[in-house]
């Protein structure tokens, strides 16, 4: 998988996790809000390590302890930005 494809998948996962979290774990409402079928949301979340049971557990813990959702795994890539991108523009 290319760096671009990995980045798109990570964005898609984060977007859908945030949509489900914003709807209190309700996949149907998240599907309506995003325009993505609820089965697709479930599949993407499962593939990304966030099955419905984990989302609900996180929501329960978050409401009890006001904790944030753990960050999704960053994409693994050998791509490195050019050195020019590291310089600050003064």
C-alpha atoms as a PDB file:
ATOM      1  CA  UNK A   1       0.000   0.000   0.000  1.00  0.00           C
ATOM      2  CA  UNK A   2       1.375   3.411  -0.906  1.00  0.00           C
ATOM      3  CA  UNK A   3       1.954   6.217   1.559  1.00  0.00           C
ATOM      4  CA  UNK A   4      -1.014   8.098   0.068  1.00  0.00           C
ATOM      5  CA  UNK A   5      -3.348   5.097   0.430  1.00  0.00           C
ATOM      6  CA  UNK A   6      -2.220   4.546   4.034  1.00  0.00           C
ATOM      7  CA  UNK A   7      -2.846   8.206   4.812  1.00  0.00           C
ATOM      8  CA  UNK A   8      -6.316   8.103   3.274  1.00  0.00           C
ATOM      9  CA  UNK A   9      -7.220   4.978   5.257  1.00  0.00           C
ATOM     10  CA  UNK A  10      -5.976   6.514   8.516  1.00  0.00           C
ATOM     11  CA  UNK A  11      -7.976   9.681   7.833  1.00  0.00           C
ATOM     12  CA  UNK A  12     -11.065   7.638   7.003  1.00  0.00           C
ATOM     13  CA  UNK A  13     -10.714   5.643  10.225  1.00  0.00           C
ATOM     14  CA  UNK A  14     -10.249   8.764  12.364  1.00  0.00           C
ATOM     15  CA  UNK A  15     -13.181  10.502  10.643  1.00  0.00           C
ATOM     16  CA  UNK A  16     -15.531   7.576  11.223  1.00  0.00           C
ATOM     17  CA  UNK A  17     -14.365   6.985  14.809  1.00  0.00           C
ATOM     18  CA  UNK A  18     -15.025  10.654  15.579  1.00  0.00           C
ATOM     19  CA  UNK A  19     -18.455  10.489  13.910  1.00  0.00           C
ATOM     20  CA  UNK A  20     -19.448   7.431  15.947  1.00  0.00           C
ATOM     21  CA  UNK A  21     -18.111   8.985  19.147  1.00  0.00           C
ATOM     22  CA  UNK A  22     -20.007  12.223  18.443  1.00  0.00           C
ATOM     23  CA  UNK A  23     -23.253  10.259  18.130  1.00  0.00           C
ATOM     24  CA  UNK A  24     -22.680   8.409  21.392  1.00  0.00           C
ATOM     25  CA  UNK A  25     -21.816   5.148  19.651  1.00  0.00           C
ATOM     26  CA  UNK A  26     -24.917   5.136  17.435  1.00  0.00           C
ATOM     27  CA  UNK A  27     -23.788   3.733  14.072  1.00  0.00           C
ATOM     28  CA  UNK A  28     -27.085   4.611  12.369  1.00  0.00           C
ATOM     29  CA  UNK A  29     -26.862   8.282  13.292  1.00  0.00           C
ATOM     30  CA  UNK A  30     -23.177   8.354  12.360  1.00  0.00           C
ATOM     31  CA  UNK A  31     -24.108   6.850   8.972  1.00  0.00           C
ATOM     32  CA  UNK A  32     -26.708   9.559   8.375  1.00  0.00           C
ATOM     33  CA  UNK A  33     -24.278  12.302   9.407  1.00  0.00           C
ATOM     34  CA  UNK A  34     -21.437  11.074   7.188  1.00  0.00           C
ATOM     35  CA  UNK A  35     -23.332   9.588   4.253  1.00  0.00           C
ATOM     36  CA  UNK A  36     -21.464   6.298   4.725  1.00  0.00           C
ATOM     37  CA  UNK A  37     -23.508   3.105   5.111  1.00  0.00           C
ATOM     38  CA  UNK A  38     -23.526   1.803   8.695  1.00  0.00           C
ATOM     39  CA  UNK A  39     -22.204  -1.604   7.618  1.00  0.00           C
ATOM     40  CA  UNK A  40     -19.250   0.147   5.973  1.00  0.00           C
ATOM     41  CA  UNK A  41     -18.637   2.123   9.162  1.00  0.00           C
ATOM     42  CA  UNK A  42     -18.646  -1.103  11.206  1.00  0.00           C
ATOM     43  CA  UNK A  43     -16.276  -2.799   8.762  1.00  0.00           C
ATOM     44  CA  UNK A  44     -13.807   0.112   8.680  1.00  0.00           C
ATOM     45  CA  UNK A  45     -13.831   0.452  12.471  1.00  0.00           C
ATOM     46  CA  UNK A  46     -13.313  -3.300  12.972  1.00  0.00           C
ATOM     47  CA  UNK A  47     -10.441  -3.333  10.464  1.00  0.00           C
ATOM     48  CA  UNK A  48      -8.875  -0.360  12.265  1.00  0.00           C
ATOM     49  CA  UNK A  49      -9.082  -1.983  15.687  1.00  0.00           C
ATOM     50  CA  UNK A  50     -12.223  -0.190  16.903  1.00  0.00           C
ATOM     51  CA  UNK A  51     -15.073  -2.740  16.989  1.00  0.00           C
ATOM     52  CA  UNK A  52     -18.424  -1.525  18.361  1.00  0.00           C
ATOM     53  CA  UNK A  53     -17.705  -3.127  21.739  1.00  0.00           C
ATOM     54  CA  UNK A  54     -14.485  -1.102  22.092  1.00  0.00           C
ATOM     55  CA  UNK A  55     -16.248   2.145  21.087  1.00  0.00           C
ATOM     56  CA  UNK A  56     -18.953   1.538  23.696  1.00  0.00           C
ATOM     57  CA  UNK A  57     -16.365   0.689  26.360  1.00  0.00           C
ATOM     58  CA  UNK A  58     -14.441   3.890  25.560  1.00  0.00           C
ATOM     59  CA  UNK A  59     -17.628   5.957  25.720  1.00  0.00           C
ATOM     60  CA  UNK A  60     -18.509   4.418  29.077  1.00  0.00           C
ATOM     61  CA  UNK A  61     -15.039   5.082  30.482  1.00  0.00           C
ATOM     62  CA  UNK A  62     -15.004   8.571  28.984  1.00  0.00           C
ATOM     63  CA  UNK A  63     -18.289   9.507  30.589  1.00  0.00           C
ATOM     64  CA  UNK A  64     -17.089   8.137  33.919  1.00  0.00           C
ATOM     65  CA  UNK A  65     -13.566   9.569  33.862  1.00  0.00           C
ATOM     66  CA  UNK A  66     -13.775  12.216  31.095  1.00  0.00           C
ATOM     67  CA  UNK A  67     -11.025  10.499  29.127  1.00  0.00           C
ATOM     68  CA  UNK A  68     -10.339  11.130  25.457  1.00  0.00           C
ATOM     69  CA  UNK A  69     -10.353   8.471  22.761  1.00  0.00           C
ATOM     70  CA  UNK A  70      -6.919   6.911  22.313  1.00  0.00           C
ATOM     71  CA  UNK A  71      -5.233   7.953  19.091  1.00  0.00           C
ATOM     72  CA  UNK A  72      -5.388   5.655  16.098  1.00  0.00           C
ATOM     73  CA  UNK A  73      -2.138   3.975  15.112  1.00  0.00           C
ATOM     74  CA  UNK A  74      -0.077   6.191  12.801  1.00  0.00           C
ATOM     75  CA  UNK A  75       0.589   4.741   9.349  1.00  0.00           C
ATOM     76  CA  UNK A  76       3.810   2.798   9.000  1.00  0.00           C
ATOM     77  CA  UNK A  77       5.778   4.111   6.079  1.00  0.00           C
ATOM     78  CA  UNK A  78       9.321   4.501   4.867  1.00  0.00           C
ATOM     79  CA  UNK A  79       8.434   7.767   3.150  1.00  0.00           C
ATOM     80  CA  UNK A  80      10.287  10.774   4.507  1.00  0.00           C
ATOM     81  CA  UNK A  81       9.573  14.399   3.741  1.00  0.00           C
ATOM     82  CA  UNK A  82      12.298  16.343   1.939  1.00  0.00           C
ATOM     83  CA  UNK A  83      14.742  18.226   4.151  1.00  0.00           C
ATOM     84  CA  UNK A  84      13.328  21.534   2.868  1.00  0.00           C
ATOM     85  CA  UNK A  85       9.998  20.761   4.510  1.00  0.00           C
ATOM     86  CA  UNK A  86      11.718  20.624   7.902  1.00  0.00           C
ATOM     87  CA  UNK A  87      13.026  24.171   7.667  1.00  0.00           C
ATOM     88  CA  UNK A  88      11.003  26.920   9.235  1.00  0.00           C
ATOM     89  CA  UNK A  89      10.145  29.897   7.120  1.00  0.00           C
ATOM     90  CA  UNK A  90      11.411  33.020   8.842  1.00  0.00           C
END
